[in-house]
Amino acid sequence: MSLMITDECIACDACREECPTEAIEEGDPIYVIDPDRCTECVGFYDEPACIAVCPVECIVPDPDNMETMAELKLKYEQLAKDKED
């Protein structure tokens, strides 16, 4: 599943810098995660980097974007292919 940022976000920019797929964007007033780009760091790290660096623990699973590990791997492969093109 994709991740989402809750209203507790303090817009510190830590998560955006860590996201390997550039899925995190500055929103108004909080940051947002693009579910089409979020792979939960599958293909990059053992766990989501954004969660590890968030000082207020406001990044949680998005119940509206449930995905299996196979779907996350496929999304990672597609994003990697698109980056090559």
PDB file of N, CA and C in Angstrom:
ATOM      1  N   MET A   1       0.830  -1.173   0.000  1.00  0.00           N
ATOM      2  CA  MET A   1       0.000   0.000   0.000  1.00  0.00           C
ATOM      3  C   MET A   1       0.873   1.234   0.000  1.00  0.00           C
ATOM      4  N   SER A   2       0.360   2.268  -0.496  1.00  0.00           N
ATOM      5  CA  SER A   2       1.044   3.552  -0.472  1.00  0.00           C
ATOM      6  C   SER A   2       0.971   4.110   0.951  1.00  0.00           C
ATOM      7  N   LEU A   3       1.792   5.083   1.193  1.00  0.00           N
ATOM      8  CA  LEU A   3       1.775   5.764   2.490  1.00  0.00           C
ATOM      9  C   LEU A   3       1.076   7.107   2.343  1.00  0.00           C
ATOM     10  N   MET A   4       0.704   7.694   3.469  1.00  0.00           N
ATOM     11  CA  MET A   4       0.086   9.014   3.469  1.00  0.00           C
ATOM     12  C   MET A   4       0.625   9.809   4.654  1.00  0.00           C
ATOM     13  N   ILE A   5       0.531  11.114   4.547  1.00  0.00           N
ATOM     14  CA  ILE A   5       0.990  12.009   5.596  1.00  0.00           C
ATOM     15  C   ILE A   5      -0.235  12.606   6.280  1.00  0.00           C
ATOM     16  N   THR A   6      -0.252  12.531   7.600  1.00  0.00           N
ATOM     17  CA  THR A   6      -1.402  13.016   8.359  1.00  0.00           C
ATOM     18  C   THR A   6      -1.270  14.508   8.659  1.00  0.00           C
ATOM     19  N   ASP A   7      -2.310  15.046   9.250  1.00  0.00           N
ATOM     20  CA  ASP A   7      -2.358  16.472   9.584  1.00  0.00           C
ATOM     21  C   ASP A   7      -1.318  16.900  10.620  1.00  0.00           C
ATOM     22  N   GLU A   8      -0.672  15.942  11.263  1.00  0.00           N
ATOM     23  CA  GLU A   8       0.357  16.279  12.249  1.00  0.00           C
ATOM     24  C   GLU A   8       1.662  16.734  11.595  1.00  0.00           C
ATOM     25  N   CYS A   9       1.740  16.694  10.274  1.00  0.00           N
ATOM     26  CA  CYS A   9       2.939  17.088   9.527  1.00  0.00           C
ATOM     27  C   CYS A   9       3.344  18.519   9.885  1.00  0.00           C
ATOM     28  N   ILE A  10       4.649  18.712  10.124  1.00  0.00           N
ATOM     29  CA  ILE A  10       5.167  20.054  10.431  1.00  0.00           C
ATOM     30  C   ILE A  10       5.922  20.644   9.239  1.00  0.00           C
ATOM     31  N   ALA A  11       5.836  19.994   8.069  1.00  0.00           N
ATOM     32  CA  ALA A  11       6.459  20.474   6.831  1.00  0.00           C
ATOM     33  C   ALA A  11       7.953  20.749   7.008  1.00  0.00           C
ATOM     34  N   CYS A  12       8.643  19.799   7.640  1.00  0.00           N
ATOM     35  CA  CYS A  12      10.074  19.982   7.918  1.00  0.00           C
ATOM     36  C   CYS A  12      10.962  19.642   6.721  1.00  0.00           C
ATOM     37  N   ASP A  13      10.410  18.970   5.710  1.00  0.00           N
ATOM     38  CA  ASP A  13      11.119  18.625   4.478  1.00  0.00           C
ATOM     39  C   ASP A  13      12.010  17.392   4.597  1.00  0.00           C
ATOM     40  N   ALA A  14      12.104  16.781   5.765  1.00  0.00           N
ATOM     41  CA  ALA A  14      12.978  15.622   5.951  1.00  0.00           C
ATOM     42  C   ALA A  14      12.553  14.448   5.073  1.00  0.00           C
ATOM     43  N   CYS A  15      11.276  14.181   4.999  1.00  0.00           N
ATOM     44  CA  CYS A  15      10.789  13.032   4.236  1.00  0.00           C
ATOM     45  C   CYS A  15      11.012  13.210   2.735  1.00  0.00           C
ATOM     46  N   ARG A  16      10.778  14.396   2.257  1.00  0.00           N
ATOM     47  CA  ARG A  16      10.909  14.651   0.812  1.00  0.00           C
ATOM     48  C   ARG A  16      12.325  14.388   0.330  1.00  0.00           C
ATOM     49  N   GLU A  17      13.296  14.777   1.127  1.00  0.00           N
ATOM     50  CA  GLU A  17      14.696  14.586   0.759  1.00  0.00           C
ATOM     51  C   GLU A  17      15.079  13.105   0.726  1.00  0.00           C
ATOM     52  N   GLU A  18      14.404  12.284   1.499  1.00  0.00           N
ATOM     53  CA  GLU A  18      14.740  10.863   1.598  1.00  0.00           C
ATOM     54  C   GLU A  18      14.033   9.984   0.568  1.00  0.00           C
ATOM     55  N   CYS A  19      12.980  10.473  -0.058  1.00  0.00           N
ATOM     56  CA  CYS A  19      12.162   9.643  -0.943  1.00  0.00           C
ATOM     57  C   CYS A  19      12.887   9.342  -2.257  1.00  0.00           C
ATOM     58  N   PRO A  20      13.209   8.065  -2.500  1.00  0.00           N
ATOM     59  CA  PRO A  20      13.945   7.712  -3.717  1.00  0.00           C
ATOM     60  C   PRO A  20      13.119   7.794  -5.001  1.00  0.00           C
ATOM     61  N   THR A  21      11.791   7.839  -4.885  1.00  0.00           N
ATOM     62  CA  THR A  21      10.944   7.910  -6.084  1.00  0.00           C
ATOM     63  C   THR A  21      10.334   9.290  -6.281  1.00  0.00           C
ATOM     64  N   GLU A  22      10.744  10.236  -5.454  1.00  0.00           N
ATOM     65  CA  GLU A  22      10.230  11.607  -5.529  1.00  0.00           C
ATOM     66  C   GLU A  22       8.698  11.637  -5.447  1.00  0.00           C
ATOM     67  N   ALA A  23       8.150  10.794  -4.573  1.00  0.00           N
ATOM     68  CA  ALA A  23       6.702  10.703  -4.413  1.00  0.00           C
ATOM     69  C   ALA A  23       6.146  11.748  -3.458  1.00  0.00           C
ATOM     70  N   ILE A  24       7.016  12.405  -2.699  1.00  0.00           N
ATOM     71  CA  ILE A  24       6.554  13.356  -1.694  1.00  0.00           C
ATOM     72  C   ILE A  24       6.705  14.776  -2.221  1.00  0.00           C
ATOM     73  N   GLU A  25       5.603  15.511  -2.139  1.00  0.00           N
ATOM     74  CA  GLU A  25       5.588  16.891  -2.633  1.00  0.00           C
ATOM     75  C   GLU A  25       5.110  17.829  -1.535  1.00  0.00           C
ATOM     76  N   GLU A  26       5.544  19.061  -1.629  1.00  0.00           N
ATOM     77  CA  GLU A  26       5.098  20.074  -0.686  1.00  0.00           C
ATOM     78  C   GLU A  26       3.654  20.427  -1.002  1.00  0.00           C
ATOM     79  N   GLY A  27       2.813  20.316  -0.005  1.00  0.00           N
ATOM     80  CA  GLY A  27       1.411  20.681  -0.167  1.00  0.00           C
ATOM     81  C   GLY A  27       1.111  21.905   0.676  1.00  0.00           C
ATOM     82  N   ASP A  28      -0.136  22.242   0.770  1.00  0.00           N
ATOM     83  CA  ASP A  28      -0.521  23.402   1.570  1.00  0.00           C
ATOM     84  C   ASP A  28      -1.598  22.977   2.552  1.00  0.00           C
ATOM     85  N   PRO A  29      -1.334  22.869   3.794  1.00  0.00           N
ATOM     86  CA  PRO A  29      -0.125  23.253   4.530  1.00  0.00           C
ATOM     87  C   PRO A  29       0.824  22.091   4.795  1.00  0.00           C
ATOM     88  N   ILE A  30       0.403  20.851   4.500  1.00  0.00           N
ATOM     89  CA  ILE A  30       1.264  19.701   4.799  1.00  0.00           C
ATOM     90  C   ILE A  30       1.754  19.047   3.516  1.00  0.00           C
ATOM     91  N   TYR A  31       2.746  18.211   3.654  1.00  0.00           N
ATOM     92  CA  TYR A  31       3.273  17.472   2.508  1.00  0.00           C
ATOM     93  C   TYR A  31       2.301  16.364   2.128  1.00  0.00           C
ATOM     94  N   VAL A  32       2.376  15.935   0.863  1.00  0.00           N
ATOM     95  CA  VAL A  32       1.513  14.863   0.373  1.00  0.00           C
ATOM     96  C   VAL A  32       2.356  13.824  -0.354  1.00  0.00           C
ATOM     97  N   ILE A  33       1.859  12.589  -0.355  1.00  0.00           N
ATOM     98  CA  ILE A  33       2.541  11.489  -1.032  1.00  0.00           C
ATOM     99  C   ILE A  33       1.707  11.076  -2.232  1.00  0.00           C
ATOM    100  N   ASP A  34       2.336  11.038  -3.406  1.00  0.00           N
ATOM    101  CA  ASP A  34       1.673  10.597  -4.632  1.00  0.00           C
ATOM    102  C   ASP A  34       1.608   9.068  -4.605  1.00  0.00           C
ATOM    103  N   PRO A  35       0.411   8.490  -4.480  1.00  0.00           N
ATOM    104  CA  PRO A  35       0.308   7.027  -4.401  1.00  0.00           C
ATOM    105  C   PRO A  35       0.767   6.317  -5.666  1.00  0.00           C
ATOM    106  N   ASP A  36       0.800   7.006  -6.783  1.00  0.00           N
ATOM    107  CA  ASP A  36       1.270   6.388  -8.027  1.00  0.00           C
ATOM    108  C   ASP A  36       2.783   6.260  -8.069  1.00  0.00           C
ATOM    109  N   ARG A  37       3.482   6.979  -7.206  1.00  0.00           N
ATOM    110  CA  ARG A  37       4.942   6.936  -7.174  1.00  0.00           C
ATOM    111  C   ARG A  37       5.495   6.246  -5.921  1.00  0.00           C
ATOM    112  N   CYS A  38       4.693   6.139  -4.882  1.00  0.00           N
ATOM    113  CA  CYS A  38       5.152   5.558  -3.620  1.00  0.00           C
ATOM    114  C   CYS A  38       5.238   4.040  -3.728  1.00  0.00           C
ATOM    115  N   THR A  39       6.435   3.513  -3.499  1.00  0.00           N
ATOM    116  CA  THR A  39       6.649   2.064  -3.482  1.00  0.00           C
ATOM    117  C   THR A  39       6.960   1.573  -2.076  1.00  0.00           C
ATOM    118  N   GLU A  40       6.804   2.444  -1.077  1.00  0.00           N
ATOM    119  CA  GLU A  40       7.203   2.146   0.295  1.00  0.00           C
ATOM    120  C   GLU A  40       8.679   1.754   0.339  1.00  0.00           C
ATOM    121  N   CYS A  41       9.443   2.292  -0.581  1.00  0.00           N
ATOM    122  CA  CYS A  41      10.891   2.075  -0.716  1.00  0.00           C
ATOM    123  C   CYS A  41      11.250   0.658  -1.163  1.00  0.00           C
ATOM    124  N   VAL A  42      10.256  -0.117  -1.629  1.00  0.00           N
ATOM    125  CA  VAL A  42      10.554  -1.433  -2.203  1.00  0.00           C
ATOM    126  C   VAL A  42      11.490  -1.213  -3.382  1.00  0.00           C
ATOM    127  N   GLY A  43      12.561  -1.980  -3.429  1.00  0.00           N
ATOM    128  CA  GLY A  43      13.555  -1.840  -4.484  1.00  0.00           C
ATOM    129  C   GLY A  43      14.703  -0.922  -4.083  1.00  0.00           C
ATOM    130  N   PHE A  44      14.548  -0.223  -2.978  1.00  0.00           N
ATOM    131  CA  PHE A  44      15.573   0.713  -2.511  1.00  0.00           C
ATOM    132  C   PHE A  44      16.074   0.368  -1.113  1.00  0.00           C
ATOM    133  N   TYR A  45      15.141   0.249  -0.169  1.00  0.00           N
ATOM    134  CA  TYR A  45      15.478   0.031   1.239  1.00  0.00           C
ATOM    135  C   TYR A  45      14.597  -1.062   1.828  1.00  0.00           C
ATOM    136  N   ASP A  46      14.973  -1.543   3.004  1.00  0.00           N
ATOM    137  CA  ASP A  46      14.194  -2.580   3.682  1.00  0.00           C
ATOM    138  C   ASP A  46      12.894  -2.049   4.276  1.00  0.00           C
ATOM    139  N   GLU A  47      12.857  -0.751   4.566  1.00  0.00           N
ATOM    140  CA  GLU A  47      11.645  -0.138   5.089  1.00  0.00           C
ATOM    141  C   GLU A  47      11.553   1.287   4.569  1.00  0.00           C
ATOM    142  N   PRO A  48      10.370   1.890   4.628  1.00  0.00           N
ATOM    143  CA  PRO A  48      10.206   3.240   4.092  1.00  0.00           C
ATOM    144  C   PRO A  48      11.130   4.263   4.770  1.00  0.00           C
ATOM    145  N   ALA A  49      11.926   4.942   3.971  1.00  0.00           N
ATOM    146  CA  ALA A  49      12.879   5.927   4.486  1.00  0.00           C
ATOM    147  C   ALA A  49      12.175   7.122   5.101  1.00  0.00           C
ATOM    148  N   CYS A  50      11.045   7.506   4.544  1.00  0.00           N
ATOM    149  CA  CYS A  50      10.333   8.684   5.060  1.00  0.00           C
ATOM    150  C   CYS A  50       9.871   8.474   6.496  1.00  0.00           C
ATOM    151  N   ILE A  51       9.406   7.263   6.798  1.00  0.00           N
ATOM    152  CA  ILE A  51       8.955   6.967   8.151  1.00  0.00           C
ATOM    153  C   ILE A  51      10.125   7.062   9.127  1.00  0.00           C
ATOM    154  N   ALA A  52      11.276   6.567   8.701  1.00  0.00           N
ATOM    155  CA  ALA A  52      12.453   6.554   9.570  1.00  0.00           C
ATOM    156  C   ALA A  52      12.925   7.960   9.940  1.00  0.00           C
ATOM    157  N   VAL A  53      12.746   8.941   9.057  1.00  0.00           N
ATOM    158  CA  VAL A  53      13.262  10.285   9.326  1.00  0.00           C
ATOM    159  C   VAL A  53      12.211  11.265   9.841  1.00  0.00           C
ATOM    160  N   CYS A  54      10.957  10.894   9.832  1.00  0.00           N
ATOM    161  CA  CYS A  54       9.895  11.819  10.258  1.00  0.00           C
ATOM    162  C   CYS A  54       9.976  12.074  11.765  1.00  0.00           C
ATOM    163  N   PRO A  55      10.193  13.333  12.157  1.00  0.00           N
ATOM    164  CA  PRO A  55      10.337  13.633  13.577  1.00  0.00           C
ATOM    165  C   PRO A  55       9.019  13.610  14.369  1.00  0.00           C
ATOM    166  N   VAL A  56       7.890  13.656  13.680  1.00  0.00           N
ATOM    167  CA  VAL A  56       6.601  13.671  14.384  1.00  0.00           C
ATOM    168  C   VAL A  56       5.763  12.420  14.097  1.00  0.00           C
ATOM    169  N   GLU A  57       6.343  11.448  13.415  1.00  0.00           N
ATOM    170  CA  GLU A  57       5.683  10.168  13.136  1.00  0.00           C
ATOM    171  C   GLU A  57       4.300  10.338  12.523  1.00  0.00           C
ATOM    172  N   CYS A  58       4.234  11.143  11.454  1.00  0.00           N
ATOM    173  CA  CYS A  58       2.936  11.427  10.825  1.00  0.00           C
ATOM    174  C   CYS A  58       2.745  10.698   9.492  1.00  0.00           C
ATOM    175  N   ILE A  59       3.620   9.743   9.171  1.00  0.00           N
ATOM    176  CA  ILE A  59       3.495   8.996   7.920  1.00  0.00           C
ATOM    177  C   ILE A  59       2.984   7.595   8.247  1.00  0.00           C
ATOM    178  N   VAL A  60       1.838   7.270   7.672  1.00  0.00           N
ATOM    179  CA  VAL A  60       1.134   6.027   7.986  1.00  0.00           C
ATOM    180  C   VAL A  60       0.669   5.352   6.699  1.00  0.00           C
ATOM    181  N   PRO A  61       0.297   4.062   6.772  1.00  0.00           N
ATOM    182  CA  PRO A  61      -0.272   3.393   5.597  1.00  0.00           C
ATOM    183  C   PRO A  61      -1.558   4.081   5.155  1.00  0.00           C
ATOM    184  N   ASP A  62      -1.742   4.182   3.848  1.00  0.00           N
ATOM    185  CA  ASP A  62      -2.933   4.806   3.284  1.00  0.00           C
ATOM    186  C   ASP A  62      -3.984   3.727   3.037  1.00  0.00           C
ATOM    187  N   PRO A  63      -5.062   3.722   3.814  1.00  0.00           N
ATOM    188  CA  PRO A  63      -6.073   2.675   3.661  1.00  0.00           C
ATOM    189  C   PRO A  63      -6.792   2.715   2.315  1.00  0.00           C
ATOM    190  N   ASP A  64      -6.714   3.827   1.602  1.00  0.00           N
ATOM    191  CA  ASP A  64      -7.369   3.951   0.298  1.00  0.00           C
ATOM    192  C   ASP A  64      -6.488   3.453  -0.845  1.00  0.00           C
ATOM    193  N   ASN A  65      -5.244   3.078  -0.548  1.00  0.00           N
ATOM    194  CA  ASN A  65      -4.314   2.622  -1.586  1.00  0.00           C
ATOM    195  C   ASN A  65      -3.584   1.358  -1.139  1.00  0.00           C
ATOM    196  N   MET A  66      -4.342   0.305  -0.946  1.00  0.00           N
ATOM    197  CA  MET A  66      -3.787  -0.978  -0.518  1.00  0.00           C
ATOM    198  C   MET A  66      -3.103  -1.658  -1.707  1.00  0.00           C
ATOM    199  N   GLU A  67      -1.854  -2.119  -1.492  1.00  0.00           N
ATOM    200  CA  GLU A  67      -1.108  -2.819  -2.538  1.00  0.00           C
ATOM    201  C   GLU A  67      -0.341  -3.973  -1.928  1.00  0.00           C
ATOM    202  N   THR A  68      -0.209  -5.047  -2.692  1.00  0.00           N
ATOM    203  CA  THR A  68       0.577  -6.192  -2.244  1.00  0.00           C
ATOM    204  C   THR A  68       2.053  -5.915  -2.499  1.00  0.00           C
ATOM    205  N   MET A  69       2.907  -6.750  -1.930  1.00  0.00           N
ATOM    206  CA  MET A  69       4.342  -6.618  -2.168  1.00  0.00           C
ATOM    207  C   MET A  69       4.640  -6.781  -3.664  1.00  0.00           C
ATOM    208  N   ALA A  70       3.937  -7.685  -4.326  1.00  0.00           N
ATOM    209  CA  ALA A  70       4.144  -7.887  -5.770  1.00  0.00           C
ATOM    210  C   ALA A  70       3.775  -6.623  -6.554  1.00  0.00           C
ATOM    211  N   GLU A  71       2.701  -5.964  -6.159  1.00  0.00           N
ATOM    212  CA  GLU A  71       2.297  -4.731  -6.838  1.00  0.00           C
ATOM    213  C   GLU A  71       3.316  -3.614  -6.601  1.00  0.00           C
ATOM    214  N   LEU A  72       3.852  -3.538  -5.382  1.00  0.00           N
ATOM    215  CA  LEU A  72       4.867  -2.526  -5.092  1.00  0.00           C
ATOM    216  C   LEU A  72       6.135  -2.776  -5.905  1.00  0.00           C
ATOM    217  N   LYS A  73       6.525  -4.047  -6.031  1.00  0.00           N
ATOM    218  CA  LYS A  73       7.706  -4.395  -6.840  1.00  0.00           C
ATOM    219  C   LYS A  73       7.481  -4.031  -8.303  1.00  0.00           C
ATOM    220  N   LEU A  74       6.296  -4.314  -8.810  1.00  0.00           N
ATOM    221  CA  LEU A  74       5.964  -3.975 -10.194  1.00  0.00           C
ATOM    222  C   LEU A  74       6.004  -2.458 -10.406  1.00  0.00           C
ATOM    223  N   LYS A  75       5.474  -1.707  -9.458  1.00  0.00           N
ATOM    224  CA  LYS A  75       5.503  -0.246  -9.549  1.00  0.00           C
ATOM    225  C   LYS A  75       6.949   0.250  -9.551  1.00  0.00           C
ATOM    226  N   TYR A  76       7.798  -0.332  -8.683  1.00  0.00           N
ATOM    227  CA  TYR A  76       9.215   0.035  -8.647  1.00  0.00           C
ATOM    228  C   TYR A  76       9.868  -0.221 -10.006  1.00  0.00           C
ATOM    229  N   GLU A  77       9.617  -1.386 -10.580  1.00  0.00           N
ATOM    230  CA  GLU A  77      10.193  -1.731 -11.886  1.00  0.00           C
ATOM    231  C   GLU A  77       9.735  -0.776 -12.971  1.00  0.00           C
ATOM    232  N   GLN A  78       8.465  -0.397 -12.949  1.00  0.00           N
ATOM    233  CA  GLN A  78       7.937   0.522 -13.949  1.00  0.00           C
ATOM    234  C   GLN A  78       8.560   1.905 -13.799  1.00  0.00           C
ATOM    235  N   LEU A  79       8.690   2.385 -12.563  1.00  0.00           N
ATOM    236  CA  LEU A  79       9.310   3.689 -12.324  1.00  0.00           C
ATOM    237  C   LEU A  79      10.778   3.682 -12.756  1.00  0.00           C
ATOM    238  N   ALA A  80      11.475   2.577 -12.499  1.00  0.00           N
ATOM    239  CA  ALA A  80      12.879   2.463 -12.901  1.00  0.00           C
ATOM    240  C   ALA A  80      12.988   2.460 -14.420  1.00  0.00           C
ATOM    241  N   LYS A  81      12.071   1.770 -15.094  1.00  0.00           N
ATOM    242  CA  LYS A  81      12.067   1.738 -16.557  1.00  0.00           C
ATOM    243  C   LYS A  81      11.788   3.121 -17.132  1.00  0.00           C
ATOM    244  N   ASP A  82      10.808   3.822 -16.549  1.00  0.00           N
ATOM    245  CA  ASP A  82      10.461   5.169 -17.016  1.00  0.00           C
ATOM    246  C   ASP A  82      11.638   6.128 -16.849  1.00  0.00           C
ATOM    247  N   LYS A  83      12.405   5.946 -15.788  1.00  0.00           N
ATOM    248  CA  LYS A  83      13.545   6.814 -15.527  1.00  0.00           C
ATOM    249  C   LYS A  83      14.642   6.604 -16.575  1.00  0.00           C
ATOM    250  N   GLU A  84      14.774   5.361 -17.052  1.00  0.00           N
ATOM    251  CA  GLU A  84      15.768   5.039 -18.071  1.00  0.00           C
ATOM    252  C   GLU A  84      15.414   5.655 -19.421  1.00  0.00           C
ATOM    253  N   ASP A  85      14.125   5.736 -19.708  1.00  0.00           N
ATOM    254  CA  ASP A  85      13.670   6.235 -21.025  1.00  0.00           C
ATOM    255  C   ASP A  85      13.860   7.710 -21.191  1.00  0.00           C
TER     256      ASP A  85
END
